[in-house]
Amino acid sequence: MRKDDLMAGLRGKPVAFEVDGFGVHLRPLAASDRVGLLAWYRANRKEPDAAHVLQHKLIALAVIDPDNGGQLLTEADAAALPALAVDVISEEVARRNGLGKDGEDDAGKVSRPTPN
């Protein structure tokens, strides 16, 4: 077994998720992604739009191209989505990755992502 195979297997498989009749693929976040998001939120949570920016960051990290596994959206792309889609996708990403609704609730806790 090669390191790349091990890392790919441990990352988990992307899952299909439907939003208002449109399908996207979500990948599990890496531990470094979670740490980075929580650190960013702690440093910026007093900003008026911090919760929305956090949602855009979550979406940009998690929504992938199912063919090659690469990121499909930027934060700006996520910000341009309809508000309801942003809410639904970011809540699903947070739920699947054991993050609190505002990105802060579960800080410092060890949790397991919810299975498909």
Protein backbone atom coordinates (compact mmCIF):
# COMPACT_ATOMS: atom_id res chain seq x y z
CA MET A 1 0.00 0.00 0.00
CA ARG A 2 1.25 3.44 -0.88
CA LYS A 3 0.86 6.54 1.24
CA ASP A 4 -1.46 8.12 -1.36
CA ASP A 5 -3.75 5.07 -1.21
CA LEU A 6 -3.86 5.18 2.57
CA MET A 7 -4.61 8.91 2.67
CA ALA A 8 -7.34 8.61 0.04
CA GLY A 9 -8.98 5.75 1.93
CA LEU A 10 -8.90 7.52 5.26
CA ARG A 11 -10.33 10.74 3.83
CA GLY A 12 -13.59 9.02 3.11
CA LYS A 13 -15.61 8.99 -0.04
CA PRO A 14 -17.45 11.97 -1.45
CA VAL A 15 -21.22 11.71 -1.14
CA ALA A 16 -23.92 12.97 -3.45
CA PHE A 17 -26.26 15.54 -1.93
CA GLU A 18 -29.32 17.10 -3.51
CA VAL A 19 -30.22 20.76 -3.05
CA ASP A 20 -33.53 21.91 -4.49
CA GLY A 21 -33.40 19.31 -7.26
CA PHE A 22 -29.73 19.94 -8.07
CA GLY A 23 -27.02 17.45 -7.08
CA VAL A 24 -23.60 18.25 -5.68
CA HIS A 25 -20.84 16.04 -4.32
CA LEU A 26 -19.46 16.73 -0.85
CA ARG A 27 -16.13 15.51 0.40
CA PRO A 28 -15.28 14.97 4.05
CA LEU A 29 -13.11 17.76 5.44
CA ALA A 30 -9.53 16.98 6.43
CA ALA A 31 -8.49 17.66 10.01
CA SER A 32 -6.38 20.57 8.76
CA ASP A 33 -9.47 22.04 7.04
CA ARG A 34 -11.46 21.85 10.28
CA VAL A 35 -8.67 23.40 12.34
CA GLY A 36 -8.23 26.18 9.79
CA LEU A 37 -11.95 26.96 9.66
CA LEU A 38 -12.30 27.04 13.44
CA ALA A 39 -9.20 29.22 13.82
CA TRP A 40 -10.48 31.61 11.16
CA TYR A 41 -13.87 31.82 12.84
CA ARG A 42 -12.42 32.46 16.28
CA ALA A 43 -10.28 35.26 14.88
CA ASN A 44 -13.12 36.83 12.86
CA ARG A 45 -16.35 35.99 14.69
CA LYS A 46 -16.97 39.59 15.75
CA GLU A 47 -17.14 40.71 12.12
CA PRO A 48 -20.76 41.29 11.04
CA ASP A 49 -20.62 38.82 8.14
CA ALA A 50 -18.34 36.19 9.73
CA ALA A 51 -21.01 33.47 9.86
CA HIS A 52 -21.78 33.94 6.16
CA VAL A 53 -18.12 33.92 5.15
CA LEU A 54 -17.66 30.73 7.18
CA GLN A 55 -20.51 29.15 5.22
CA HIS A 56 -18.83 30.15 1.94
CA LYS A 57 -15.52 28.69 3.14
CA LEU A 58 -17.22 25.40 4.08
CA ILE A 59 -18.88 25.14 0.69
CA ALA A 60 -15.70 25.97 -1.22
CA LEU A 61 -13.79 23.26 0.66
CA ALA A 62 -16.45 20.56 0.49
CA VAL A 63 -18.17 20.80 -2.92
CA ILE A 64 -16.06 18.87 -5.39
CA ASP A 65 -15.96 17.83 -9.00
CA PRO A 66 -17.01 14.17 -8.87
CA ASP A 67 -14.81 13.27 -11.84
CA ASN A 68 -11.47 14.40 -10.44
CA GLY A 69 -12.14 15.18 -6.75
CA GLY A 70 -10.93 18.77 -7.11
CA GLN A 71 -12.59 21.81 -5.62
CA LEU A 72 -15.39 22.98 -7.84
CA LEU A 73 -16.21 26.35 -6.27
CA THR A 74 -14.34 29.30 -4.85
CA GLU A 75 -15.57 31.26 -1.84
CA ALA A 76 -16.82 33.92 -4.27
CA ASP A 77 -18.76 31.26 -6.21
CA ALA A 78 -20.33 30.04 -2.96
CA ALA A 79 -21.25 33.61 -2.02
CA ALA A 80 -23.05 33.98 -5.35
CA LEU A 81 -25.33 30.99 -4.69
CA PRO A 82 -28.90 31.57 -3.51
CA ALA A 83 -29.06 32.07 0.26
CA LEU A 84 -31.19 28.97 0.80
CA ALA A 85 -28.67 26.78 -1.08
CA VAL A 86 -25.82 28.26 0.99
CA ASP A 87 -27.68 27.48 4.21
CA VAL A 88 -28.64 23.94 3.21
CA ILE A 89 -25.23 22.94 1.84
CA SER A 90 -23.20 24.49 4.66
CA GLU A 91 -25.44 22.88 7.31
CA GLU A 92 -25.03 19.48 5.65
CA VAL A 93 -21.25 19.88 5.43
CA ALA A 94 -21.12 20.93 9.09
CA ARG A 95 -23.34 18.01 10.14
CA ARG A 96 -21.32 15.44 8.21
CA ASN A 97 -18.06 16.76 9.65
CA GLY A 98 -19.09 17.12 13.29
CA LEU A 99 -18.95 20.91 13.30
CA GLY A 100 -21.38 23.02 15.28
CA LYS A 101 -23.93 25.09 13.38
CA ASP A 102 -21.86 28.26 13.71
CA GLY A 103 -18.52 26.49 13.46
CA GLU A 104 -17.78 27.09 17.14
CA ASP A 105 -20.13 24.80 19.07
CA ASP A 106 -17.96 21.72 18.91
CA ALA A 107 -14.56 23.41 19.01
CA GLY A 108 -12.10 21.27 20.91
CA LYS A 109 -14.36 18.21 20.96
CA VAL A 110 -13.51 15.01 19.19
CA SER A 111 -16.41 13.77 17.13
CA ARG A 112 -17.00 11.31 14.36
CA PRO A 113 -18.63 12.42 11.13
CA THR A 114 -22.15 11.14 10.59
CA PRO A 115 -22.19 8.20 8.18
CA ASN A 116 -24.09 8.51 4.93
